[in-house]
Amino acid sequence: MLINKYLNEERLTLNRSSSRKLILTRRYQAERGCGVHDVVKAYKHLFQDRTLTPLAIRQSVIANLLKAGKDVRAVQVFAGHNSPMTTERYQQTGIEELTAAVLKFHPLG
């Protein structure tokens, strides 16, 4: 709902220069990531046990979408990757699931 409101209301007001960029700042320019860094920096103290960076958040979102079973092509477009092979690098091997299966079905488990 928030993205819908942004696209249909706020972005129309902000897009004075007919930009094709999705996220625009209040100064009517394309967001280049600086705002994201500022937000992460402000809340980093809440996650002292983790490495919190915009890149880590991006990688985590992509990996979780793939782990949830989303289509690789859809995630590729979402992530802005040119090649599906780039997106596939974020697929995790599922070691936890494999270990559980071995322990469940192995005769000595």
PDB file of N, CA and C in Angstrom:
ATOM      1  N   MET A   1       0.817  -1.189   0.000  1.00  0.00           N
ATOM      2  CA  MET A   1       0.000   0.000   0.000  1.00  0.00           C
ATOM      3  C   MET A   1       0.866   1.260   0.000  1.00  0.00           C
ATOM      4  N   LEU A   2       1.985   1.207   0.755  1.00  0.00           N
ATOM      5  CA  LEU A   2       2.844   2.383   0.811  1.00  0.00           C
ATOM      6  C   LEU A   2       3.481   2.685  -0.539  1.00  0.00           C
ATOM      7  N   ILE A   3       3.953   1.635  -1.225  1.00  0.00           N
ATOM      8  CA  ILE A   3       4.580   1.859  -2.523  1.00  0.00           C
ATOM      9  C   ILE A   3       3.544   2.329  -3.532  1.00  0.00           C
ATOM     10  N   ASN A   4       2.331   1.820  -3.433  1.00  0.00           N
ATOM     11  CA  ASN A   4       1.253   2.256  -4.320  1.00  0.00           C
ATOM     12  C   ASN A   4       0.956   3.740  -4.101  1.00  0.00           C
ATOM     13  N   LYS A   5       0.882   4.153  -2.852  1.00  0.00           N
ATOM     14  CA  LYS A   5       0.641   5.560  -2.543  1.00  0.00           C
ATOM     15  C   LYS A   5       1.779   6.426  -3.069  1.00  0.00           C
ATOM     16  N   TYR A   6       3.009   5.950  -2.882  1.00  0.00           N
ATOM     17  CA  TYR A   6       4.167   6.701  -3.373  1.00  0.00           C
ATOM     18  C   TYR A   6       4.085   6.866  -4.890  1.00  0.00           C
ATOM     19  N   LEU A   7       3.836   5.763  -5.609  1.00  0.00           N
ATOM     20  CA  LEU A   7       3.817   5.816  -7.064  1.00  0.00           C
ATOM     21  C   LEU A   7       2.683   6.676  -7.613  1.00  0.00           C
ATOM     22  N   ASN A   8       1.512   6.581  -7.006  1.00  0.00           N
ATOM     23  CA  ASN A   8       0.345   7.261  -7.545  1.00  0.00           C
ATOM     24  C   ASN A   8       0.115   8.671  -7.012  1.00  0.00           C
ATOM     25  N   GLU A   9       0.779   9.037  -5.928  1.00  0.00           N
ATOM     26  CA  GLU A   9       0.575  10.368  -5.368  1.00  0.00           C
ATOM     27  C   GLU A   9       1.886  11.142  -5.245  1.00  0.00           C
ATOM     28  N   GLU A  10       2.751  10.673  -4.357  1.00  0.00           N
ATOM     29  CA  GLU A  10       3.955  11.433  -4.026  1.00  0.00           C
ATOM     30  C   GLU A  10       4.920  11.545  -5.198  1.00  0.00           C
ATOM     31  N   ARG A  11       5.142  10.448  -5.914  1.00  0.00           N
ATOM     32  CA  ARG A  11       6.106  10.477  -7.013  1.00  0.00           C
ATOM     33  C   ARG A  11       5.632  11.414  -8.118  1.00  0.00           C
ATOM     34  N   LEU A  12       4.329  11.483  -8.353  1.00  0.00           N
ATOM     35  CA  LEU A  12       3.805  12.388  -9.377  1.00  0.00           C
ATOM     36  C   LEU A  12       4.133  13.837  -9.043  1.00  0.00           C
ATOM     37  N   THR A  13       4.090  14.165  -7.764  1.00  0.00           N
ATOM     38  CA  THR A  13       4.421  15.518  -7.326  1.00  0.00           C
ATOM     39  C   THR A  13       5.918  15.776  -7.419  1.00  0.00           C
ATOM     40  N   LEU A  14       6.719  14.783  -7.056  1.00  0.00           N
ATOM     41  CA  LEU A  14       8.174  14.942  -7.043  1.00  0.00           C
ATOM     42  C   LEU A  14       8.800  14.906  -8.433  1.00  0.00           C
ATOM     43  N   ASN A  15       8.141  14.286  -9.374  1.00  0.00           N
ATOM     44  CA  ASN A  15       8.740  14.049 -10.692  1.00  0.00           C
ATOM     45  C   ASN A  15       8.547  15.233 -11.628  1.00  0.00           C
ATOM     46  N   ARG A  16       9.125  16.356 -11.288  1.00  0.00           N
ATOM     47  CA  ARG A  16       9.012  17.567 -12.109  1.00  0.00           C
ATOM     48  C   ARG A  16       9.856  17.500 -13.372  1.00  0.00           C
ATOM     49  N   SER A  17      10.908  16.719 -13.347  1.00  0.00           N
ATOM     50  CA  SER A  17      11.804  16.662 -14.506  1.00  0.00           C
ATOM     51  C   SER A  17      11.544  15.435 -15.381  1.00  0.00           C
ATOM     52  N   SER A  18      10.443  14.758 -15.164  1.00  0.00           N
ATOM     53  CA  SER A  18      10.070  13.552 -15.920  1.00  0.00           C
ATOM     54  C   SER A  18      11.151  12.480 -15.853  1.00  0.00           C
ATOM     55  N   SER A  19      11.692  12.276 -14.670  1.00  0.00           N
ATOM     56  CA  SER A  19      12.723  11.266 -14.455  1.00  0.00           C
ATOM     57  C   SER A  19      12.126   9.871 -14.569  1.00  0.00           C
ATOM     58  N   ARG A  20      12.918   8.945 -15.085  1.00  0.00           N
ATOM     59  CA  ARG A  20      12.486   7.546 -15.158  1.00  0.00           C
ATOM     60  C   ARG A  20      12.930   6.768 -13.935  1.00  0.00           C
ATOM     61  N   LYS A  21      13.653   7.408 -13.033  1.00  0.00           N
ATOM     62  CA  LYS A  21      14.109   6.752 -11.812  1.00  0.00           C
ATOM     63  C   LYS A  21      12.920   6.516 -10.887  1.00  0.00           C
ATOM     64  N   LEU A  22      12.972   5.407 -10.162  1.00  0.00           N
ATOM     65  CA  LEU A  22      11.849   5.024  -9.310  1.00  0.00           C
ATOM     66  C   LEU A  22      11.754   5.871  -8.048  1.00  0.00           C
ATOM     67  N   ILE A  23      12.858   6.000  -7.320  1.00  0.00           N
ATOM     68  CA  ILE A  23      12.842   6.710  -6.050  1.00  0.00           C
ATOM     69  C   ILE A  23      13.403   8.112  -6.257  1.00  0.00           C
ATOM     70  N   LEU A  24      12.615   9.107  -5.894  1.00  0.00           N
ATOM     71  CA  LEU A  24      13.027  10.496  -6.021  1.00  0.00           C
ATOM     72  C   LEU A  24      13.089  11.145  -4.651  1.00  0.00           C
ATOM     73  N   THR A  25      14.020  12.084  -4.492  1.00  0.00           N
ATOM     74  CA  THR A  25      14.162  12.795  -3.227  1.00  0.00           C
ATOM     75  C   THR A  25      13.211  13.984  -3.204  1.00  0.00           C
ATOM     76  N   ARG A  26      13.143  14.622  -2.059  1.00  0.00           N
ATOM     77  CA  ARG A  26      12.296  15.816  -1.949  1.00  0.00           C
ATOM     78  C   ARG A  26      12.850  16.991  -2.750  1.00  0.00           C
ATOM     79  N   ARG A  27      14.084  16.843  -3.221  1.00  0.00           N
ATOM     80  CA  ARG A  27      14.681  17.871  -4.089  1.00  0.00           C
ATOM     81  C   ARG A  27      14.487  17.516  -5.560  1.00  0.00           C
ATOM     82  N   TYR A  28      13.600  16.577  -5.832  1.00  0.00           N
ATOM     83  CA  TYR A  28      13.208  16.201  -7.185  1.00  0.00           C
ATOM     84  C   TYR A  28      14.325  15.517  -7.974  1.00  0.00           C
ATOM     85  N   GLN A  29      15.247  14.877  -7.280  1.00  0.00           N
ATOM     86  CA  GLN A  29      16.338  14.188  -7.943  1.00  0.00           C
ATOM     87  C   GLN A  29      16.268  12.696  -7.603  1.00  0.00           C
ATOM     88  N   ALA A  30      16.912  11.889  -8.438  1.00  0.00           N
ATOM     89  CA  ALA A  30      16.933  10.441  -8.202  1.00  0.00           C
ATOM     90  C   ALA A  30      17.730  10.124  -6.947  1.00  0.00           C
ATOM     91  N   GLU A  31      17.181   9.250  -6.121  1.00  0.00           N
ATOM     92  CA  GLU A  31      17.890   8.799  -4.912  1.00  0.00           C
ATOM     93  C   GLU A  31      19.075   7.948  -5.343  1.00  0.00           C
ATOM     94  N   ARG A  32      20.251   8.268  -4.825  1.00  0.00           N
ATOM     95  CA  ARG A  32      21.463   7.549  -5.205  1.00  0.00           C
ATOM     96  C   ARG A  32      21.976   6.650  -4.092  1.00  0.00           C
ATOM     97  N   GLY A  33      21.237   6.477  -3.044  1.00  0.00           N
ATOM     98  CA  GLY A  33      21.646   5.569  -1.984  1.00  0.00           C
ATOM     99  C   GLY A  33      22.132   6.264  -0.729  1.00  0.00           C
ATOM    100  N   CYS A  34      22.431   7.544  -0.794  1.00  0.00           N
ATOM    101  CA  CYS A  34      22.927   8.267   0.384  1.00  0.00           C
ATOM    102  C   CYS A  34      21.904   8.247   1.513  1.00  0.00           C
ATOM    103  N   GLY A  35      20.641   8.383   1.174  1.00  0.00           N
ATOM    104  CA  GLY A  35      19.594   8.367   2.184  1.00  0.00           C
ATOM    105  C   GLY A  35      19.510   7.040   2.904  1.00  0.00           C
ATOM    106  N   VAL A  36      19.725   5.962   2.166  1.00  0.00           N
ATOM    107  CA  VAL A  36      19.724   4.623   2.755  1.00  0.00           C
ATOM    108  C   VAL A  36      20.867   4.497   3.752  1.00  0.00           C
ATOM    109  N   HIS A  37      22.036   4.988   3.384  1.00  0.00           N
ATOM    110  CA  HIS A  37      23.191   4.949   4.282  1.00  0.00           C
ATOM    111  C   HIS A  37      22.912   5.719   5.567  1.00  0.00           C
ATOM    112  N   ASP A  38      22.240   6.852   5.442  1.00  0.00           N
ATOM    113  CA  ASP A  38      21.925   7.653   6.620  1.00  0.00           C
ATOM    114  C   ASP A  38      20.982   6.917   7.567  1.00  0.00           C
ATOM    115  N   VAL A  39      19.985   6.242   7.022  1.00  0.00           N
ATOM    116  CA  VAL A  39      19.037   5.494   7.846  1.00  0.00           C
ATOM    117  C   VAL A  39      19.736   4.324   8.528  1.00  0.00           C
ATOM    118  N   VAL A  40      20.561   3.588   7.781  1.00  0.00           N
ATOM    119  CA  VAL A  40      21.292   2.460   8.362  1.00  0.00           C
ATOM    120  C   VAL A  40      22.220   2.943   9.461  1.00  0.00           C
ATOM    121  N   LYS A  41      22.902   4.034   9.221  1.00  0.00           N
ATOM    122  CA  LYS A  41      23.815   4.592  10.220  1.00  0.00           C
ATOM    123  C   LYS A  41      23.067   4.977  11.496  1.00  0.00           C
ATOM    124  N   ALA A  42      21.879   5.537  11.348  1.00  0.00           N
ATOM    125  CA  ALA A  42      21.104   5.974  12.510  1.00  0.00           C
ATOM    126  C   ALA A  42      20.644   4.805  13.380  1.00  0.00           C
ATOM    127  N   TYR A  43      20.380   3.651  12.769  1.00  0.00           N
ATOM    128  CA  TYR A  43      19.845   2.516  13.527  1.00  0.00           C
ATOM    129  C   TYR A  43      20.855   1.386  13.735  1.00  0.00           C
ATOM    130  N   LYS A  44      22.076   1.584  13.314  1.00  0.00           N
ATOM    131  CA  LYS A  44      23.097   0.550  13.416  1.00  0.00           C
ATOM    132  C   LYS A  44      23.330   0.112  14.869  1.00  0.00           C
ATOM    133  N   HIS A  45      23.195   1.026  15.810  1.00  0.00           N
ATOM    134  CA  HIS A  45      23.434   0.702  17.219  1.00  0.00           C
ATOM    135  C   HIS A  45      22.453  -0.342  17.757  1.00  0.00           C
ATOM    136  N   LEU A  46      21.323  -0.519  17.095  1.00  0.00           N
ATOM    137  CA  LEU A  46      20.341  -1.515  17.537  1.00  0.00           C
ATOM    138  C   LEU A  46      20.743  -2.940  17.143  1.00  0.00           C
ATOM    139  N   PHE A  47      21.721  -3.072  16.250  1.00  0.00           N
ATOM    140  CA  PHE A  47      22.144  -4.369  15.745  1.00  0.00           C
ATOM    141  C   PHE A  47      23.650  -4.541  15.930  1.00  0.00           C
ATOM    142  N   GLN A  48      24.106  -4.436  17.146  1.00  0.00           N
ATOM    143  CA  GLN A  48      25.536  -4.486  17.420  1.00  0.00           C
ATOM    144  C   GLN A  48      26.146  -5.848  17.142  1.00  0.00           C
ATOM    145  N   ASP A  49      25.343  -6.902  17.172  1.00  0.00           N
ATOM    146  CA  ASP A  49      25.871  -8.245  16.938  1.00  0.00           C
ATOM    147  C   ASP A  49      25.930  -8.598  15.444  1.00  0.00           C
ATOM    148  N   ARG A  50      25.516  -7.667  14.576  1.00  0.00           N
ATOM    149  CA  ARG A  50      25.499  -7.927  13.137  1.00  0.00           C
ATOM    150  C   ARG A  50      26.214  -6.823  12.374  1.00  0.00           C
ATOM    151  N   THR A  51      26.685  -7.186  11.201  1.00  0.00           N
ATOM    152  CA  THR A  51      27.256  -6.196  10.301  1.00  0.00           C
ATOM    153  C   THR A  51      26.118  -5.615   9.489  1.00  0.00           C
ATOM    154  N   LEU A  52      25.722  -4.416   9.823  1.00  0.00           N
ATOM    155  CA  LEU A  52      24.579  -3.797   9.158  1.00  0.00           C
ATOM    156  C   LEU A  52      25.063  -2.732   8.191  1.00  0.00           C
ATOM    157  N   THR A  53      24.918  -3.032   6.915  1.00  0.00           N
ATOM    158  CA  THR A  53      25.238  -2.093   5.848  1.00  0.00           C
ATOM    159  C   THR A  53      24.128  -2.183   4.807  1.00  0.00           C
ATOM    160  N   PRO A  54      23.973  -1.164   3.979  1.00  0.00           N
ATOM    161  CA  PRO A  54      22.969  -1.275   2.909  1.00  0.00           C
ATOM    162  C   PRO A  54      23.217  -2.484   2.005  1.00  0.00           C
ATOM    163  N   LEU A  55      24.488  -2.783   1.740  1.00  0.00           N
ATOM    164  CA  LEU A  55      24.808  -3.941   0.905  1.00  0.00           C
ATOM    165  C   LEU A  55      24.393  -5.245   1.586  1.00  0.00           C
ATOM    166  N   ALA A  56      24.649  -5.366   2.883  1.00  0.00           N
ATOM    167  CA  ALA A  56      24.258  -6.580   3.614  1.00  0.00           C
ATOM    168  C   ALA A  56      22.739  -6.746   3.609  1.00  0.00           C
ATOM    169  N   ILE A  57      22.015  -5.644   3.743  1.00  0.00           N
ATOM    170  CA  ILE A  57      20.551  -5.710   3.707  1.00  0.00           C
ATOM    171  C   ILE A  57      20.086  -6.153   2.325  1.00  0.00           C
ATOM    172  N   ARG A  58      20.677  -5.583   1.279  1.00  0.00           N
ATOM    173  CA  ARG A  58      20.317  -5.953  -0.095  1.00  0.00           C
ATOM    174  C   ARG A  58      20.572  -7.445  -0.340  1.00  0.00           C
ATOM    175  N   GLN A  59      21.747  -7.917   0.059  1.00  0.00           N
ATOM    176  CA  GLN A  59      22.084  -9.324  -0.140  1.00  0.00           C
ATOM    177  C   GLN A  59      21.140 -10.237   0.626  1.00  0.00           C
ATOM    178  N   SER A  60      20.783  -9.828   1.829  1.00  0.00           N
ATOM    179  CA  SER A  60      19.879 -10.619   2.651  1.00  0.00           C
ATOM    180  C   SER A  60      18.483 -10.697   2.026  1.00  0.00           C
ATOM    181  N   VAL A  61      18.000  -9.594   1.505  1.00  0.00           N
ATOM    182  CA  VAL A  61      16.680  -9.584   0.867  1.00  0.00           C
ATOM    183  C   VAL A  61      16.668 -10.508  -0.340  1.00  0.00           C
ATOM    184  N   ILE A  62      17.683 -10.419  -1.183  1.00  0.00           N
ATOM    185  CA  ILE A  62      17.757 -11.274  -2.369  1.00  0.00           C
ATOM    186  C   ILE A  62      17.826 -12.746  -1.973  1.00  0.00           C
ATOM    187  N   ALA A  63      18.683 -13.083  -1.010  1.00  0.00           N
ATOM    188  CA  ALA A  63      18.820 -14.469  -0.561  1.00  0.00           C
ATOM    189  C   ALA A  63      17.518 -14.990   0.040  1.00  0.00           C
ATOM    190  N   ASN A  64      16.832 -14.169   0.815  1.00  0.00           N
ATOM    191  CA  ASN A  64      15.576 -14.604   1.434  1.00  0.00           C
ATOM    192  C   ASN A  64      14.458 -14.775   0.411  1.00  0.00           C
ATOM    193  N   LEU A  65      14.436 -13.957  -0.625  1.00  0.00           N
ATOM    194  CA  LEU A  65      13.440 -14.137  -1.687  1.00  0.00           C
ATOM    195  C   LEU A  65      13.654 -15.472  -2.389  1.00  0.00           C
ATOM    196  N   LEU A  66      14.906 -15.795  -2.689  1.00  0.00           N
ATOM    197  CA  LEU A  66      15.196 -17.071  -3.335  1.00  0.00           C
ATOM    198  C   LEU A  66      14.899 -18.240  -2.410  1.00  0.00           C
ATOM    199  N   LYS A  67      15.230 -18.098  -1.133  1.00  0.00           N
ATOM    200  CA  LYS A  67      14.966 -19.164  -0.162  1.00  0.00           C
ATOM    201  C   LYS A  67      13.470 -19.402   0.002  1.00  0.00           C
ATOM    202  N   ALA A  68      12.669 -18.341  -0.166  1.00  0.00           N
ATOM    203  CA  ALA A  68      11.212 -18.456  -0.056  1.00  0.00           C
ATOM    204  C   ALA A  68      10.590 -19.085  -1.303  1.00  0.00           C
ATOM    205  N   GLY A  69      11.433 -19.377  -2.306  1.00  0.00           N
ATOM    206  CA  GLY A  69      10.933 -20.051  -3.499  1.00  0.00           C
ATOM    207  C   GLY A  69      10.479 -19.126  -4.606  1.00  0.00           C
ATOM    208  N   LYS A  70      10.823 -17.860  -4.537  1.00  0.00           N
ATOM    209  CA  LYS A  70      10.447 -16.924  -5.602  1.00  0.00           C
ATOM    210  C   LYS A  70      11.213 -17.278  -6.873  1.00  0.00           C
ATOM    211  N   ASP A  71      10.613 -17.007  -8.003  1.00  0.00           N
ATOM    212  CA  ASP A  71      11.202 -17.292  -9.296  1.00  0.00           C
ATOM    213  C   ASP A  71      12.493 -16.505  -9.488  1.00  0.00           C
ATOM    214  N   VAL A  72      13.527 -17.170  -9.988  1.00  0.00           N
ATOM    215  CA  VAL A  72      14.831 -16.530 -10.166  1.00  0.00           C
ATOM    216  C   VAL A  72      14.720 -15.324 -11.097  1.00  0.00           C
ATOM    217  N   ARG A  73      13.931 -15.441 -12.140  1.00  0.00           N
ATOM    218  CA  ARG A  73      13.779 -14.323 -13.088  1.00  0.00           C
ATOM    219  C   ARG A  73      13.127 -13.114 -12.420  1.00  0.00           C
ATOM    220  N   ALA A  74      12.115 -13.364 -11.596  1.00  0.00           N
ATOM    221  CA  ALA A  74      11.450 -12.260 -10.898  1.00  0.00           C
ATOM    222  C   ALA A  74      12.417 -11.581  -9.929  1.00  0.00           C
ATOM    223  N   VAL A  75      13.199 -12.366  -9.218  1.00  0.00           N
ATOM    224  CA  VAL A  75      14.181 -11.806  -8.282  1.00  0.00           C
ATOM    225  C   VAL A  75      15.278 -11.080  -9.056  1.00  0.00           C
ATOM    226  N   GLN A  76      15.644 -11.608 -10.218  1.00  0.00           N
ATOM    227  CA  GLN A  76      16.651 -10.951 -11.060  1.00  0.00           C
ATOM    228  C   GLN A  76      16.198  -9.544 -11.444  1.00  0.00           C
ATOM    229  N   VAL A  77      14.965  -9.411 -11.879  1.00  0.00           N
ATOM    230  CA  VAL A  77      14.437  -8.099 -12.259  1.00  0.00           C
ATOM    231  C   VAL A  77      14.364  -7.190 -11.039  1.00  0.00           C
ATOM    232  N   PHE A  78      13.880  -7.729  -9.925  1.00  0.00           N
ATOM    233  CA  PHE A  78      13.784  -6.954  -8.679  1.00  0.00           C
ATOM    234  C   PHE A  78      15.146  -6.424  -8.255  1.00  0.00           C
ATOM    235  N   ALA A  79      16.185  -7.259  -8.379  1.00  0.00           N
ATOM    236  CA  ALA A  79      17.520  -6.880  -7.941  1.00  0.00           C
ATOM    237  C   ALA A  79      18.252  -6.014  -8.964  1.00  0.00           C
ATOM    238  N   GLY A  80      17.746  -5.982 -10.200  1.00  0.00           N
ATOM    239  CA  GLY A  80      18.404  -5.195 -11.233  1.00  0.00           C
ATOM    240  C   GLY A  80      19.620  -5.868 -11.832  1.00  0.00           C
ATOM    241  N   HIS A  81      19.653  -7.181 -11.750  1.00  0.00           N
ATOM    242  CA  HIS A  81      20.782  -7.928 -12.318  1.00  0.00           C
ATOM    243  C   HIS A  81      20.571  -8.122 -13.820  1.00  0.00           C
ATOM    244  N   ASN A  82      21.646  -8.037 -14.588  1.00  0.00           N
ATOM    245  CA  ASN A  82      21.567  -8.260 -16.028  1.00  0.00           C
ATOM    246  C   ASN A  82      21.474  -9.739 -16.369  1.00  0.00           C
ATOM    247  N   SER A  83      22.071 -10.574 -15.544  1.00  0.00           N
ATOM    248  CA  SER A  83      22.139 -12.002 -15.828  1.00  0.00           C
ATOM    249  C   SER A  83      21.511 -12.805 -14.691  1.00  0.00           C
ATOM    250  N   PRO A  84      20.770 -13.870 -15.025  1.00  0.00           N
ATOM    251  CA  PRO A  84      20.231 -14.722 -13.966  1.00  0.00           C
ATOM    252  C   PRO A  84      21.328 -15.430 -13.171  1.00  0.00           C
ATOM    253  N   MET A  85      22.514 -15.588 -13.783  1.00  0.00           N
ATOM    254  CA  MET A  85      23.616 -16.232 -13.060  1.00  0.00           C
ATOM    255  C   MET A  85      24.055 -15.379 -11.874  1.00  0.00           C
ATOM    256  N   THR A  86      23.978 -14.072 -12.019  1.00  0.00           N
ATOM    257  CA  THR A  86      24.319 -13.185 -10.906  1.00  0.00           C
ATOM    258  C   THR A  86      23.354 -13.401  -9.756  1.00  0.00           C
ATOM    259  N   THR A  87      22.076 -13.533 -10.070  1.00  0.00           N
ATOM    260  CA  THR A  87      21.055 -13.750  -9.044  1.00  0.00           C
ATOM    261  C   THR A  87      21.216 -15.122  -8.401  1.00  0.00           C
ATOM    262  N   GLU A  88      21.540 -16.124  -9.192  1.00  0.00           N
ATOM    263  CA  GLU A  88      21.688 -17.488  -8.674  1.00  0.00           C
ATOM    264  C   GLU A  88      22.823 -17.603  -7.668  1.00  0.00           C
ATOM    265  N   ARG A  89      23.783 -16.688  -7.714  1.00  0.00           N
ATOM    266  CA  ARG A  89      24.879 -16.730  -6.734  1.00  0.00           C
ATOM    267  C   ARG A  89      24.362 -16.516  -5.312  1.00  0.00           C
ATOM    268  N   TYR A  90      23.196 -15.904  -5.185  1.00  0.00           N
ATOM    269  CA  TYR A  90      22.628 -15.640  -3.867  1.00  0.00           C
ATOM    270  C   TYR A  90      21.877 -16.841  -3.301  1.00  0.00           C
ATOM    271  N   GLN A  91      21.667 -17.869  -4.131  1.00  0.00           N
ATOM    272  CA  GLN A  91      20.985 -19.059  -3.634  1.00  0.00           C
ATOM    273  C   GLN A  91      21.898 -19.781  -2.666  1.00  0.00           C
ATOM    274  N   GLN A  92      21.343 -20.093  -1.511  1.00  0.00           N
ATOM    275  CA  GLN A  92      22.124 -20.783  -0.492  1.00  0.00           C
ATOM    276  C   GLN A  92      21.928 -22.279  -0.641  1.00  0.00           C
ATOM    277  N   THR A  93      22.912 -23.022  -0.215  1.00  0.00           N
ATOM    278  CA  THR A  93      22.901 -24.465  -0.434  1.00  0.00           C
ATOM    279  C   THR A  93      21.895 -25.208   0.428  1.00  0.00           C
ATOM    280  N   GLY A  94      21.407 -24.609   1.474  1.00  0.00           N
ATOM    281  CA  GLY A  94      20.447 -25.288   2.330  1.00  0.00           C
ATOM    282  C   GLY A  94      21.100 -26.355   3.181  1.00  0.00           C
ATOM    283  N   ILE A  95      22.259 -26.078   3.730  1.00  0.00           N
ATOM    284  CA  ILE A  95      23.004 -27.042   4.547  1.00  0.00           C
ATOM    285  C   ILE A  95      22.157 -27.535   5.717  1.00  0.00           C
ATOM    286  N   GLU A  96      21.386 -26.644   6.324  1.00  0.00           N
ATOM    287  CA  GLU A  96      20.562 -27.047   7.471  1.00  0.00           C
ATOM    288  C   GLU A  96      19.554 -28.119   7.069  1.00  0.00           C
ATOM    289  N   GLU A  97      18.908 -27.931   5.908  1.00  0.00           N
ATOM    290  CA  GLU A  97      17.925 -28.903   5.433  1.00  0.00           C
ATOM    291  C   GLU A  97      18.585 -30.229   5.083  1.00  0.00           C
ATOM    292  N   LEU A  98      19.760 -30.162   4.452  1.00  0.00           N
ATOM    293  CA  LEU A  98      20.476 -31.394   4.101  1.00  0.00           C
ATOM    294  C   LEU A  98      20.915 -32.155   5.346  1.00  0.00           C
ATOM    295  N   THR A  99      21.417 -31.444   6.341  1.00  0.00           N
ATOM    296  CA  THR A  99      21.841 -32.084   7.589  1.00  0.00           C
ATOM    297  C   THR A  99      20.661 -32.743   8.276  1.00  0.00           C
ATOM    298  N   ALA A 100      19.526 -32.060   8.320  1.00  0.00           N
ATOM    299  CA  ALA A 100      18.330 -32.626   8.956  1.00  0.00           C
ATOM    300  C   ALA A 100      17.866 -33.885   8.220  1.00  0.00           C
ATOM    301  N   ALA A 101      17.919 -33.860   6.881  1.00  0.00           N
ATOM    302  CA  ALA A 101      17.508 -35.030   6.107  1.00  0.00           C
ATOM    303  C   ALA A 101      18.435 -36.214   6.354  1.00  0.00           C
ATOM    304  N   VAL A 102      19.740 -35.955   6.406  1.00  0.00           N
ATOM    305  CA  VAL A 102      20.701 -37.036   6.675  1.00  0.00           C
ATOM    306  C   VAL A 102      20.454 -37.628   8.052  1.00  0.00           C
ATOM    307  N   LEU A 103      20.284 -36.765   9.051  1.00  0.00           N
ATOM    308  CA  LEU A 103      20.041 -37.262  10.398  1.00  0.00           C
ATOM    309  C   LEU A 103      18.730 -38.033  10.513  1.00  0.00           C
ATOM    310  N   LYS A 104      17.744 -37.646   9.736  1.00  0.00           N
ATOM    311  CA  LYS A 104      16.446 -38.302   9.787  1.00  0.00           C
ATOM    312  C   LYS A 104      16.482 -39.691   9.136  1.00  0.00           C
ATOM    313  N   PHE A 105      17.183 -39.811   8.008  1.00  0.00           N
ATOM    314  CA  PHE A 105      17.130 -41.049   7.248  1.00  0.00           C
ATOM    315  C   PHE A 105      18.378 -41.904   7.350  1.00  0.00           C
ATOM    316  N   HIS A 106      19.430 -41.424   7.942  1.00  0.00           N
ATOM    317  CA  HIS A 106      20.652 -42.208   8.053  1.00  0.00           C
ATOM    318  C   HIS A 106      20.440 -43.297   9.110  1.00  0.00           C
ATOM    319  N   PRO A 107      20.878 -44.523   8.844  1.00  0.00           N
ATOM    320  CA  PRO A 107      20.641 -45.628   9.789  1.00  0.00           C
ATOM    321  C   PRO A 107      21.315 -45.431  11.144  1.00  0.00           C
ATOM    322  N   LEU A 108      22.394 -44.683  11.190  1.00  0.00           N
ATOM    323  CA  LEU A 108      23.064 -44.454  12.468  1.00  0.00           C
ATOM    324  C   LEU A 108      22.614 -43.164  13.136  1.00  0.00           C
ATOM    325  N   GLY A 109      21.754 -42.410  12.469  1.00  0.00           N
ATOM    326  CA  GLY A 109      21.315 -41.120  13.000  1.00  0.00           C
ATOM    327  C   GLY A 109      20.337 -41.307  14.091  1.00  0.00           C
TER     328      GLY A 109
END
